[in-house]
Amino acid sequence: MKDKNREICRKIREIRKSMKLTQSQFAELCDMSEDSVGKIERCVTIPTIDTLYKIASNVKKPISTILSVTYKEKACNSLSDNLTALVDYLRTRSPEDIKLVHELAVKIFERK
């Protein structure tokens, strides 16, 4: 069970980092204390189901994303990792920001 707990804690840290947030920013987003986030990421504290739901809800991910940790993730290629990080980050932005990023990407890739 310890391994599963560690993987859940690692996954929470991975989600925060993929969103390019500090522990303080992540704590504010998830309505938690920075100390709690740090303890969870270091696996000093194991998050309760309520805390997991709170985190998942605030980062706009299904709780299964946090709970369905697999070792195959370590074998993901760079492209997949980068796309996942981009999507995770965009989920934290406004629709206007997402539209702007899309328009910029189209302009960048259409240039000859």
PDB file of N, CA and C in Angstrom:
ATOM      1  N   MET A   1       0.817  -1.203   0.000  1.00  0.00           N
ATOM      2  CA  MET A   1       0.000   0.000   0.000  1.00  0.00           C
ATOM      3  C   MET A   1       0.855   1.258   0.000  1.00  0.00           C
ATOM      4  N   LYS A   2       2.036   1.175   0.633  1.00  0.00           N
ATOM      5  CA  LYS A   2       2.916   2.336   0.671  1.00  0.00           C
ATOM      6  C   LYS A   2       3.300   2.788  -0.726  1.00  0.00           C
ATOM      7  N   ASP A   3       3.560   1.828  -1.628  1.00  0.00           N
ATOM      8  CA  ASP A   3       3.935   2.174  -2.995  1.00  0.00           C
ATOM      9  C   ASP A   3       2.822   2.928  -3.700  1.00  0.00           C
ATOM     10  N   LYS A   4       1.578   2.496  -3.495  1.00  0.00           N
ATOM     11  CA  LYS A   4       0.445   3.174  -4.121  1.00  0.00           C
ATOM     12  C   LYS A   4       0.292   4.586  -3.578  1.00  0.00           C
ATOM     13  N   ASN A   5       0.461   4.745  -2.277  1.00  0.00           N
ATOM     14  CA  ASN A   5       0.382   6.081  -1.678  1.00  0.00           C
ATOM     15  C   ASN A   5       1.455   6.993  -2.260  1.00  0.00           C
ATOM     16  N   ARG A   6       2.670   6.464  -2.372  1.00  0.00           N
ATOM     17  CA  ARG A   6       3.770   7.252  -2.936  1.00  0.00           C
ATOM     18  C   ARG A   6       3.489   7.647  -4.381  1.00  0.00           C
ATOM     19  N   GLU A   7       2.900   6.735  -5.138  1.00  0.00           N
ATOM     20  CA  GLU A   7       2.578   7.029  -6.535  1.00  0.00           C
ATOM     21  C   GLU A   7       1.502   8.116  -6.636  1.00  0.00           C
ATOM     22  N   ILE A   8       0.523   8.085  -5.736  1.00  0.00           N
ATOM     23  CA  ILE A   8      -0.513   9.121  -5.727  1.00  0.00           C
ATOM     24  C   ILE A   8       0.112  10.470  -5.385  1.00  0.00           C
ATOM     25  N   CYS A   9       0.975  10.496  -4.397  1.00  0.00           N
ATOM     26  CA  CYS A   9       1.655  11.745  -4.021  1.00  0.00           C
ATOM     27  C   CYS A   9       2.519  12.245  -5.173  1.00  0.00           C
ATOM     28  N   ARG A  10       3.223  11.327  -5.834  1.00  0.00           N
ATOM     29  CA  ARG A  10       4.057  11.690  -6.973  1.00  0.00           C
ATOM     30  C   ARG A  10       3.199  12.248  -8.106  1.00  0.00           C
ATOM     31  N   LYS A  11       2.041  11.653  -8.317  1.00  0.00           N
ATOM     32  CA  LYS A  11       1.153  12.093  -9.387  1.00  0.00           C
ATOM     33  C   LYS A  11       0.648  13.509  -9.119  1.00  0.00           C
ATOM     34  N   ILE A  12       0.328  13.824  -7.880  1.00  0.00           N
ATOM     35  CA  ILE A  12      -0.126  15.171  -7.539  1.00  0.00           C
ATOM     36  C   ILE A  12       0.982  16.181  -7.832  1.00  0.00           C
ATOM     37  N   ARG A  13       2.197  15.846  -7.451  1.00  0.00           N
ATOM     38  CA  ARG A  13       3.335  16.735  -7.740  1.00  0.00           C
ATOM     39  C   ARG A  13       3.525  16.891  -9.250  1.00  0.00           C
ATOM     40  N   GLU A  14       3.399  15.797  -9.970  1.00  0.00           N
ATOM     41  CA  GLU A  14       3.549  15.814 -11.429  1.00  0.00           C
ATOM     42  C   GLU A  14       2.487  16.722 -12.070  1.00  0.00           C
ATOM     43  N   ILE A  15       1.261  16.633 -11.595  1.00  0.00           N
ATOM     44  CA  ILE A  15       0.185  17.476 -12.117  1.00  0.00           C
ATOM     45  C   ILE A  15       0.513  18.947 -11.869  1.00  0.00           C
ATOM     46  N   ARG A  16       0.946  19.261 -10.646  1.00  0.00           N
ATOM     47  CA  ARG A  16       1.293  20.657 -10.321  1.00  0.00           C
ATOM     48  C   ARG A  16       2.402  21.157 -11.238  1.00  0.00           C
ATOM     49  N   LYS A  17       3.441  20.362 -11.391  1.00  0.00           N
ATOM     50  CA  LYS A  17       4.581  20.787 -12.216  1.00  0.00           C
ATOM     51  C   LYS A  17       4.182  20.913 -13.682  1.00  0.00           C
ATOM     52  N   SER A  18       3.315  20.031 -14.165  1.00  0.00           N
ATOM     53  CA  SER A  18       2.886  20.117 -15.563  1.00  0.00           C
ATOM     54  C   SER A  18       2.083  21.387 -15.811  1.00  0.00           C
ATOM     55  N   MET A  19       1.476  21.912 -14.746  1.00  0.00           N
ATOM     56  CA  MET A  19       0.721  23.159 -14.844  1.00  0.00           C
ATOM     57  C   MET A  19       1.628  24.372 -14.642  1.00  0.00           C
ATOM     58  N   LYS A  20       2.914  24.113 -14.392  1.00  0.00           N
ATOM     59  CA  LYS A  20       3.906  25.178 -14.174  1.00  0.00           C
ATOM     60  C   LYS A  20       3.520  26.083 -12.997  1.00  0.00           C
ATOM     61  N   LEU A  21       3.032  25.457 -11.924  1.00  0.00           N
ATOM     62  CA  LEU A  21       2.623  26.203 -10.737  1.00  0.00           C
ATOM     63  C   LEU A  21       3.579  25.925  -9.589  1.00  0.00           C
ATOM     64  N   THR A  22       3.801  26.933  -8.766  1.00  0.00           N
ATOM     65  CA  THR A  22       4.548  26.725  -7.532  1.00  0.00           C
ATOM     66  C   THR A  22       3.625  26.020  -6.541  1.00  0.00           C
ATOM     67  N   GLN A  23       4.192  25.528  -5.455  1.00  0.00           N
ATOM     68  CA  GLN A  23       3.342  24.915  -4.427  1.00  0.00           C
ATOM     69  C   GLN A  23       2.357  25.947  -3.881  1.00  0.00           C
ATOM     70  N   SER A  24       2.802  27.164  -3.745  1.00  0.00           N
ATOM     71  CA  SER A  24       1.932  28.224  -3.237  1.00  0.00           C
ATOM     72  C   SER A  24       0.758  28.476  -4.190  1.00  0.00           C
ATOM     73  N   GLN A  25       1.035  28.565  -5.487  1.00  0.00           N
ATOM     74  CA  GLN A  25      -0.020  28.793  -6.475  1.00  0.00           C
ATOM     75  C   GLN A  25      -0.987  27.609  -6.528  1.00  0.00           C
ATOM     76  N   PHE A  26      -0.433  26.398  -6.472  1.00  0.00           N
ATOM     77  CA  PHE A  26      -1.252  25.191  -6.497  1.00  0.00           C
ATOM     78  C   PHE A  26      -2.137  25.139  -5.252  1.00  0.00           C
ATOM     79  N   ALA A  27      -1.566  25.482  -4.103  1.00  0.00           N
ATOM     80  CA  ALA A  27      -2.331  25.493  -2.856  1.00  0.00           C
ATOM     81  C   ALA A  27      -3.497  26.467  -2.947  1.00  0.00           C
ATOM     82  N   GLU A  28      -3.235  27.635  -3.501  1.00  0.00           N
ATOM     83  CA  GLU A  28      -4.296  28.637  -3.636  1.00  0.00           C
ATOM     84  C   GLU A  28      -5.381  28.129  -4.593  1.00  0.00           C
ATOM     85  N   LEU A  29      -4.970  27.558  -5.713  1.00  0.00           N
ATOM     86  CA  LEU A  29      -5.917  27.023  -6.686  1.00  0.00           C
ATOM     87  C   LEU A  29      -6.806  25.941  -6.071  1.00  0.00           C
ATOM     88  N   CYS A  30      -6.198  25.102  -5.225  1.00  0.00           N
ATOM     89  CA  CYS A  30      -6.918  23.962  -4.636  1.00  0.00           C
ATOM     90  C   CYS A  30      -7.525  24.265  -3.271  1.00  0.00           C
ATOM     91  N   ASP A  31      -7.424  25.513  -2.834  1.00  0.00           N
ATOM     92  CA  ASP A  31      -7.974  25.928  -1.542  1.00  0.00           C
ATOM     93  C   ASP A  31      -7.390  25.089  -0.404  1.00  0.00           C
ATOM     94  N   MET A  32      -6.048  25.014  -0.425  1.00  0.00           N
ATOM     95  CA  MET A  32      -5.316  24.268   0.592  1.00  0.00           C
ATOM     96  C   MET A  32      -4.173  25.148   1.089  1.00  0.00           C
ATOM     97  N   SER A  33      -3.534  24.727   2.160  1.00  0.00           N
ATOM     98  CA  SER A  33      -2.357  25.455   2.621  1.00  0.00           C
ATOM     99  C   SER A  33      -1.138  24.969   1.838  1.00  0.00           C
ATOM    100  N   GLU A  34      -0.165  25.852   1.696  1.00  0.00           N
ATOM    101  CA  GLU A  34       1.072  25.492   1.017  1.00  0.00           C
ATOM    102  C   GLU A  34       1.775  24.358   1.767  1.00  0.00           C
ATOM    103  N   ASP A  35       1.700  24.395   3.091  1.00  0.00           N
ATOM    104  CA  ASP A  35       2.302  23.352   3.912  1.00  0.00           C
ATOM    105  C   ASP A  35       1.677  21.987   3.607  1.00  0.00           C
ATOM    106  N   SER A  36       0.361  21.951   3.449  1.00  0.00           N
ATOM    107  CA  SER A  36      -0.334  20.690   3.136  1.00  0.00           C
ATOM    108  C   SER A  36       0.113  20.140   1.785  1.00  0.00           C
ATOM    109  N   VAL A  37       0.224  21.017   0.801  1.00  0.00           N
ATOM    110  CA  VAL A  37       0.666  20.583  -0.526  1.00  0.00           C
ATOM    111  C   VAL A  37       2.064  19.993  -0.443  1.00  0.00           C
ATOM    112  N   GLY A  38       2.951  20.675   0.266  1.00  0.00           N
ATOM    113  CA  GLY A  38       4.321  20.189   0.422  1.00  0.00           C
ATOM    114  C   GLY A  38       4.377  18.832   1.103  1.00  0.00           C
ATOM    115  N   LYS A  39       3.588  18.665   2.152  1.00  0.00           N
ATOM    116  CA  LYS A  39       3.573  17.388   2.878  1.00  0.00           C
ATOM    117  C   LYS A  39       3.022  16.262   2.007  1.00  0.00           C
ATOM    118  N   ILE A  40       2.008  16.571   1.212  1.00  0.00           N
ATOM    119  CA  ILE A  40       1.453  15.553   0.312  1.00  0.00           C
ATOM    120  C   ILE A  40       2.493  15.175  -0.737  1.00  0.00           C
ATOM    121  N   GLU A  41       3.124  16.164  -1.338  1.00  0.00           N
ATOM    122  CA  GLU A  41       4.118  15.878  -2.382  1.00  0.00           C
ATOM    123  C   GLU A  41       5.311  15.084  -1.854  1.00  0.00           C
ATOM    124  N   ARG A  42       5.665  15.295  -0.604  1.00  0.00           N
ATOM    125  CA  ARG A  42       6.776  14.543  -0.004  1.00  0.00           C
ATOM    126  C   ARG A  42       6.293  13.222   0.598  1.00  0.00           C
ATOM    127  N   CYS A  43       4.995  12.995   0.518  1.00  0.00           N
ATOM    128  CA  CYS A  43       4.355  11.771   1.043  1.00  0.00           C
ATOM    129  C   CYS A  43       4.493  11.686   2.565  1.00  0.00           C
ATOM    130  N   VAL A  44       4.593  12.828   3.202  1.00  0.00           N
ATOM    131  CA  VAL A  44       4.579  12.885   4.671  1.00  0.00           C
ATOM    132  C   VAL A  44       3.140  12.702   5.136  1.00  0.00           C
ATOM    133  N   THR A  45       2.209  13.254   4.354  1.00  0.00           N
ATOM    134  CA  THR A  45       0.779  13.133   4.605  1.00  0.00           C
ATOM    135  C   THR A  45       0.142  12.480   3.396  1.00  0.00           C
ATOM    136  N   ILE A  46      -0.729  11.529   3.627  1.00  0.00           N
ATOM    137  CA  ILE A  46      -1.475  10.886   2.548  1.00  0.00           C
ATOM    138  C   ILE A  46      -2.807  11.614   2.423  1.00  0.00           C
ATOM    139  N   PRO A  47      -3.132  12.122   1.226  1.00  0.00           N
ATOM    140  CA  PRO A  47      -4.389  12.867   1.090  1.00  0.00           C
ATOM    141  C   PRO A  47      -5.616  11.981   1.294  1.00  0.00           C
ATOM    142  N   THR A  48      -6.622  12.554   1.929  1.00  0.00           N
ATOM    143  CA  THR A  48      -7.895  11.846   2.104  1.00  0.00           C
ATOM    144  C   THR A  48      -8.638  11.838   0.779  1.00  0.00           C
ATOM    145  N   ILE A  49      -9.682  11.049   0.705  1.00  0.00           N
ATOM    146  CA  ILE A  49     -10.517  11.026  -0.502  1.00  0.00           C
ATOM    147  C   ILE A  49     -11.094  12.418  -0.756  1.00  0.00           C
ATOM    148  N   ASP A  50     -11.532  13.098   0.307  1.00  0.00           N
ATOM    149  CA  ASP A  50     -12.070  14.460   0.153  1.00  0.00           C
ATOM    150  C   ASP A  50     -11.023  15.386  -0.455  1.00  0.00           C
ATOM    151  N   THR A  51      -9.786  15.284   0.013  1.00  0.00           N
ATOM    152  CA  THR A  51      -8.717  16.127  -0.511  1.00  0.00           C
ATOM    153  C   THR A  51      -8.428  15.787  -1.969  1.00  0.00           C
ATOM    154  N   LEU A  52      -8.424  14.508  -2.300  1.00  0.00           N
ATOM    155  CA  LEU A  52      -8.205  14.108  -3.688  1.00  0.00           C
ATOM    156  C   LEU A  52      -9.292  14.669  -4.605  1.00  0.00           C
ATOM    157  N   TYR A  53     -10.552  14.611  -4.144  1.00  0.00           N
ATOM    158  CA  TYR A  53     -11.647  15.176  -4.936  1.00  0.00           C
ATOM    159  C   TYR A  53     -11.489  16.685  -5.076  1.00  0.00           C
ATOM    160  N   LYS A  54     -11.072  17.336  -4.010  1.00  0.00           N
ATOM    161  CA  LYS A  54     -10.878  18.785  -4.055  1.00  0.00           C
ATOM    162  C   LYS A  54      -9.790  19.147  -5.070  1.00  0.00           C
ATOM    163  N   ILE A  55      -8.679  18.432  -5.025  1.00  0.00           N
ATOM    164  CA  ILE A  55      -7.586  18.685  -5.964  1.00  0.00           C
ATOM    165  C   ILE A  55      -8.058  18.433  -7.396  1.00  0.00           C
ATOM    166  N   ALA A  56      -8.654  17.265  -7.624  1.00  0.00           N
ATOM    167  CA  ALA A  56      -9.107  16.914  -8.980  1.00  0.00           C
ATOM    168  C   ALA A  56     -10.088  17.951  -9.523  1.00  0.00           C
ATOM    169  N   SER A  57     -11.014  18.355  -8.691  1.00  0.00           N
ATOM    170  CA  SER A  57     -12.011  19.332  -9.110  1.00  0.00           C
ATOM    171  C   SER A  57     -11.369  20.671  -9.475  1.00  0.00           C
ATOM    172  N   ASN A  58     -10.449  21.121  -8.653  1.00  0.00           N
ATOM    173  CA  ASN A  58      -9.835  22.431  -8.877  1.00  0.00           C
ATOM    174  C   ASN A  58      -8.833  22.457 -10.030  1.00  0.00           C
ATOM    175  N   VAL A  59      -8.248  21.320 -10.353  1.00  0.00           N
ATOM    176  CA  VAL A  59      -7.344  21.281 -11.511  1.00  0.00           C
ATOM    177  C   VAL A  59      -8.083  20.781 -12.752  1.00  0.00           C
ATOM    178  N   LYS A  60      -9.393  20.590 -12.602  1.00  0.00           N
ATOM    179  CA  LYS A  60     -10.275  20.196 -13.700  1.00  0.00           C
ATOM    180  C   LYS A  60      -9.836  18.896 -14.355  1.00  0.00           C
ATOM    181  N   LYS A  61      -9.602  17.897 -13.512  1.00  0.00           N
ATOM    182  CA  LYS A  61      -9.238  16.560 -13.974  1.00  0.00           C
ATOM    183  C   LYS A  61     -10.110  15.559 -13.239  1.00  0.00           C
ATOM    184  N   PRO A  62     -10.427  14.452 -13.890  1.00  0.00           N
ATOM    185  CA  PRO A  62     -11.156  13.409 -13.157  1.00  0.00           C
ATOM    186  C   PRO A  62     -10.253  12.816 -12.080  1.00  0.00           C
ATOM    187  N   ILE A  63     -10.843  12.436 -10.974  1.00  0.00           N
ATOM    188  CA  ILE A  63     -10.045  11.871  -9.874  1.00  0.00           C
ATOM    189  C   ILE A  63      -9.292  10.627 -10.336  1.00  0.00           C
ATOM    190  N   SER A  64      -9.822   9.956 -11.338  1.00  0.00           N
ATOM    191  CA  SER A  64      -9.149   8.763 -11.856  1.00  0.00           C
ATOM    192  C   SER A  64      -7.759   9.091 -12.397  1.00  0.00           C
ATOM    193  N   THR A  65      -7.550  10.322 -12.831  1.00  0.00           N
ATOM    194  CA  THR A  65      -6.234  10.741 -13.306  1.00  0.00           C
ATOM    195  C   THR A  65      -5.207  10.630 -12.182  1.00  0.00           C
ATOM    196  N   ILE A  66      -5.626  10.969 -10.976  1.00  0.00           N
ATOM    197  CA  ILE A  66      -4.721  10.904  -9.828  1.00  0.00           C
ATOM    198  C   ILE A  66      -4.595   9.460  -9.342  1.00  0.00           C
ATOM    199  N   LEU A  67      -5.698   8.726  -9.351  1.00  0.00           N
ATOM    200  CA  LEU A  67      -5.703   7.379  -8.786  1.00  0.00           C
ATOM    201  C   LEU A  67      -5.204   6.298  -9.744  1.00  0.00           C
ATOM    202  N   SER A  68      -5.339   6.519 -11.034  1.00  0.00           N
ATOM    203  CA  SER A  68      -4.934   5.484 -11.991  1.00  0.00           C
ATOM    204  C   SER A  68      -3.481   5.694 -12.410  1.00  0.00           C
ATOM    205  N   VAL A  69      -2.612   5.517 -11.460  1.00  0.00           N
ATOM    206  CA  VAL A  69      -1.183   5.672 -11.699  1.00  0.00           C
ATOM    207  C   VAL A  69      -0.644   4.349 -12.232  1.00  0.00           C
ATOM    208  N   THR A  70       0.052   4.435 -13.340  1.00  0.00           N
ATOM    209  CA  THR A  70       0.651   3.222 -13.897  1.00  0.00           C
ATOM    210  C   THR A  70       2.134   3.445 -14.136  1.00  0.00           C
ATOM    211  N   TYR A  71       2.849   2.384 -14.176  1.00  0.00           N
ATOM    212  CA  TYR A  71       4.279   2.482 -14.422  1.00  0.00           C
ATOM    213  C   TYR A  71       4.575   2.713 -15.891  1.00  0.00           C
ATOM    214  N   LYS A  72       3.583   2.536 -16.750  1.00  0.00           N
ATOM    215  CA  LYS A  72       3.770   2.799 -18.174  1.00  0.00           C
ATOM    216  C   LYS A  72       4.020   4.281 -18.428  1.00  0.00           C
ATOM    217  N   GLU A  73       3.565   5.141 -17.516  1.00  0.00           N
ATOM    218  CA  GLU A  73       3.744   6.580 -17.696  1.00  0.00           C
ATOM    219  C   GLU A  73       5.210   6.944 -17.882  1.00  0.00           C
ATOM    220  N   LYS A  74       6.083   6.182 -17.242  1.00  0.00           N
ATOM    221  CA  LYS A  74       7.511   6.475 -17.333  1.00  0.00           C
ATOM    222  C   LYS A  74       8.032   6.236 -18.743  1.00  0.00           C
ATOM    223  N   ALA A  75       7.314   5.440 -19.528  1.00  0.00           N
ATOM    224  CA  ALA A  75       7.747   5.116 -20.873  1.00  0.00           C
ATOM    225  C   ALA A  75       7.138   6.034 -21.936  1.00  0.00           C
ATOM    226  N   CYS A  76       6.327   7.006 -21.539  1.00  0.00           N
ATOM    227  CA  CYS A  76       5.703   7.920 -22.497  1.00  0.00           C
ATOM    228  C   CYS A  76       6.777   8.673 -23.262  1.00  0.00           C
ATOM    229  N   ASN A  77       6.486   8.925 -24.525  1.00  0.00           N
ATOM    230  CA  ASN A  77       7.473   9.668 -25.298  1.00  0.00           C
ATOM    231  C   ASN A  77       7.350  11.162 -25.036  1.00  0.00           C
ATOM    232  N   SER A  78       8.335  11.886 -25.476  1.00  0.00           N
ATOM    233  CA  SER A  78       8.421  13.320 -25.217  1.00  0.00           C
ATOM    234  C   SER A  78       7.230  14.086 -25.788  1.00  0.00           C
ATOM    235  N   LEU A  79       6.793  13.718 -26.981  1.00  0.00           N
ATOM    236  CA  LEU A  79       5.669  14.400 -27.604  1.00  0.00           C
ATOM    237  C   LEU A  79       4.414  14.284 -26.747  1.00  0.00           C
ATOM    238  N   SER A  80       4.121  13.092 -26.304  1.00  0.00           N
ATOM    239  CA  SER A  80       2.954  12.863 -25.469  1.00  0.00           C
ATOM    240  C   SER A  80       3.042  13.658 -24.161  1.00  0.00           C
ATOM    241  N   ASP A  81       4.214  13.648 -23.548  1.00  0.00           N
ATOM    242  CA  ASP A  81       4.414  14.392 -22.302  1.00  0.00           C
ATOM    243  C   ASP A  81       4.202  15.888 -22.514  1.00  0.00           C
ATOM    244  N   ASN A  82       4.736  16.412 -23.620  1.00  0.00           N
ATOM    245  CA  ASN A  82       4.595  17.843 -23.896  1.00  0.00           C
ATOM    246  C   ASN A  82       3.158  18.219 -24.205  1.00  0.00           C
ATOM    247  N   LEU A  83       2.460  17.378 -24.949  1.00  0.00           N
ATOM    248  CA  LEU A  83       1.052  17.657 -25.242  1.00  0.00           C
ATOM    249  C   LEU A  83       0.210  17.613 -23.980  1.00  0.00           C
ATOM    250  N   THR A  84       0.470  16.644 -23.138  1.00  0.00           N
ATOM    251  CA  THR A  84      -0.265  16.539 -21.876  1.00  0.00           C
ATOM    252  C   THR A  84      -0.022  17.764 -21.010  1.00  0.00           C
ATOM    253  N   ALA A  85       1.224  18.199 -20.937  1.00  0.00           N
ATOM    254  CA  ALA A  85       1.553  19.380 -20.139  1.00  0.00           C
ATOM    255  C   ALA A  85       0.845  20.611 -20.696  1.00  0.00           C
ATOM    256  N   LEU A  86       0.822  20.746 -22.013  1.00  0.00           N
ATOM    257  CA  LEU A  86       0.145  21.890 -22.634  1.00  0.00           C
ATOM    258  C   LEU A  86      -1.352  21.866 -22.342  1.00  0.00           C
ATOM    259  N   VAL A  87      -1.977  20.714 -22.508  1.00  0.00           N
ATOM    260  CA  VAL A  87      -3.424  20.596 -22.241  1.00  0.00           C
ATOM    261  C   VAL A  87      -3.712  20.881 -20.769  1.00  0.00           C
ATOM    262  N   ASP A  88      -2.896  20.346 -19.880  1.00  0.00           N
ATOM    263  CA  ASP A  88      -3.088  20.594 -18.450  1.00  0.00           C
ATOM    264  C   ASP A  88      -3.006  22.088 -18.148  1.00  0.00           C
ATOM    265  N   TYR A  89      -2.039  22.741 -18.750  1.00  0.00           N
ATOM    266  CA  TYR A  89      -1.880  24.182 -18.515  1.00  0.00           C
ATOM    267  C   TYR A  89      -3.067  24.948 -19.092  1.00  0.00           C
ATOM    268  N   LEU A  90      -3.474  24.611 -20.299  1.00  0.00           N
ATOM    269  CA  LEU A  90      -4.586  25.326 -20.931  1.00  0.00           C
ATOM    270  C   LEU A  90      -5.887  25.169 -20.154  1.00  0.00           C
ATOM    271  N   ARG A  91      -6.037  24.064 -19.447  1.00  0.00           N
ATOM    272  CA  ARG A  91      -7.246  23.868 -18.628  1.00  0.00           C
ATOM    273  C   ARG A  91      -7.352  24.895 -17.507  1.00  0.00           C
ATOM    274  N   THR A  92      -6.258  25.529 -17.173  1.00  0.00           N
ATOM    275  CA  THR A  92      -6.270  26.531 -16.101  1.00  0.00           C
ATOM    276  C   THR A  92      -6.513  27.937 -16.636  1.00  0.00           C
ATOM    277  N   ARG A  93      -6.585  28.084 -17.950  1.00  0.00           N
ATOM    278  CA  ARG A  93      -6.698  29.395 -18.575  1.00  0.00           C
ATOM    279  C   ARG A  93      -8.135  29.678 -19.001  1.00  0.00           C
ATOM    280  N   SER A  94      -8.391  30.939 -19.278  1.00  0.00           N
ATOM    281  CA  SER A  94      -9.725  31.360 -19.720  1.00  0.00           C
ATOM    282  C   SER A  94      -9.937  30.954 -21.175  1.00  0.00           C
ATOM    283  N   PRO A  95     -11.205  30.893 -21.607  1.00  0.00           N
ATOM    284  CA  PRO A  95     -11.485  30.582 -23.020  1.00  0.00           C
ATOM    285  C   PRO A  95     -10.816  31.579 -23.975  1.00  0.00           C
ATOM    286  N   GLU A  96     -10.743  32.831 -23.569  1.00  0.00           N
ATOM    287  CA  GLU A  96     -10.097  33.845 -24.403  1.00  0.00           C
ATOM    288  C   GLU A  96      -8.611  33.553 -24.569  1.00  0.00           C
ATOM    289  N   ASP A  97      -7.953  33.155 -23.482  1.00  0.00           N
ATOM    290  CA  ASP A  97      -6.532  32.802 -23.548  1.00  0.00           C
ATOM    291  C   ASP A  97      -6.313  31.598 -24.459  1.00  0.00           C
ATOM    292  N   ILE A  98      -7.185  30.604 -24.346  1.00  0.00           N
ATOM    293  CA  ILE A  98      -7.062  29.396 -25.164  1.00  0.00           C
ATOM    294  C   ILE A  98      -7.222  29.753 -26.644  1.00  0.00           C
ATOM    295  N   LYS A  99      -8.189  30.597 -26.942  1.00  0.00           N
ATOM    296  CA  LYS A  99      -8.399  31.024 -28.324  1.00  0.00           C
ATOM    297  C   LYS A  99      -7.161  31.751 -28.849  1.00  0.00           C
ATOM    298  N   LEU A 100      -6.577  32.623 -28.032  1.00  0.00           N
ATOM    299  CA  LEU A 100      -5.381  33.354 -28.440  1.00  0.00           C
ATOM    300  C   LEU A 100      -4.221  32.395 -28.720  1.00  0.00           C
ATOM    301  N   VAL A 101      -4.013  31.434 -27.846  1.00  0.00           N
ATOM    302  CA  VAL A 101      -2.935  30.451 -28.044  1.00  0.00           C
ATOM    303  C   VAL A 101      -3.168  29.686 -29.338  1.00  0.00           C
ATOM    304  N   HIS A 102      -4.404  29.301 -29.593  1.00  0.00           N
ATOM    305  CA  HIS A 102      -4.727  28.581 -30.825  1.00  0.00           C
ATOM    306  C   HIS A 102      -4.420  29.440 -32.047  1.00  0.00           C
ATOM    307  N   GLU A 103      -4.861  30.697 -32.024  1.00  0.00           N
ATOM    308  CA  GLU A 103      -4.613  31.594 -33.153  1.00  0.00           C
ATOM    309  C   GLU A 103      -3.120  31.793 -33.391  1.00  0.00           C
ATOM    310  N   LEU A 104      -2.361  31.945 -32.316  1.00  0.00           N
ATOM    311  CA  LEU A 104      -0.910  32.105 -32.452  1.00  0.00           C
ATOM    312  C   LEU A 104      -0.268  30.848 -33.032  1.00  0.00           C
ATOM    313  N   ALA A 105      -0.688  29.691 -32.566  1.00  0.00           N
ATOM    314  CA  ALA A 105      -0.134  28.445 -33.081  1.00  0.00           C
ATOM    315  C   ALA A 105      -0.417  28.296 -34.576  1.00  0.00           C
ATOM    316  N   VAL A 106      -1.635  28.610 -34.999  1.00  0.00           N
ATOM    317  CA  VAL A 106      -1.980  28.521 -36.420  1.00  0.00           C
ATOM    318  C   VAL A 106      -1.090  29.462 -37.229  1.00  0.00           C
ATOM    319  N   LYS A 107      -0.926  30.700 -36.762  1.00  0.00           N
ATOM    320  CA  LYS A 107      -0.086  31.663 -37.474  1.00  0.00           C
ATOM    321  C   LYS A 107       1.364  31.188 -37.559  1.00  0.00           C
ATOM    322  N   ILE A 108       1.886  30.639 -36.472  1.00  0.00           N
ATOM    323  CA  ILE A 108       3.277  30.159 -36.453  1.00  0.00           C
ATOM    324  C   ILE A 108       3.458  29.020 -37.460  1.00  0.00           C
ATOM    325  N   PHE A 109       2.539  28.078 -37.484  1.00  0.00           N
ATOM    326  CA  PHE A 109       2.703  26.903 -38.320  1.00  0.00           C
ATOM    327  C   PHE A 109       2.304  27.143 -39.770  1.00  0.00           C
ATOM    328  N   GLU A 110       1.574  28.215 -40.064  1.00  0.00           N
ATOM    329  CA  GLU A 110       1.205  28.529 -41.435  1.00  0.00           C
ATOM    330  C   GLU A 110       2.268  29.332 -42.158  1.00  0.00           C
ATOM    331  N   ARG A 111       3.206  29.917 -41.444  1.00  0.00           N
ATOM    332  CA  ARG A 111       4.242  30.731 -42.100  1.00  0.00           C
ATOM    333  C   ARG A 111       5.134  29.833 -42.946  1.00  0.00           C
ATOM    334  N   LYS A 112       5.635  30.377 -43.984  1.00  0.00           N
ATOM    335  CA  LYS A 112       6.452  29.565 -44.900  1.00  0.00           C
ATOM    336  C   LYS A 112       7.885  29.974 -44.881  1.00  0.00           C
TER     337      LYS A 112
END
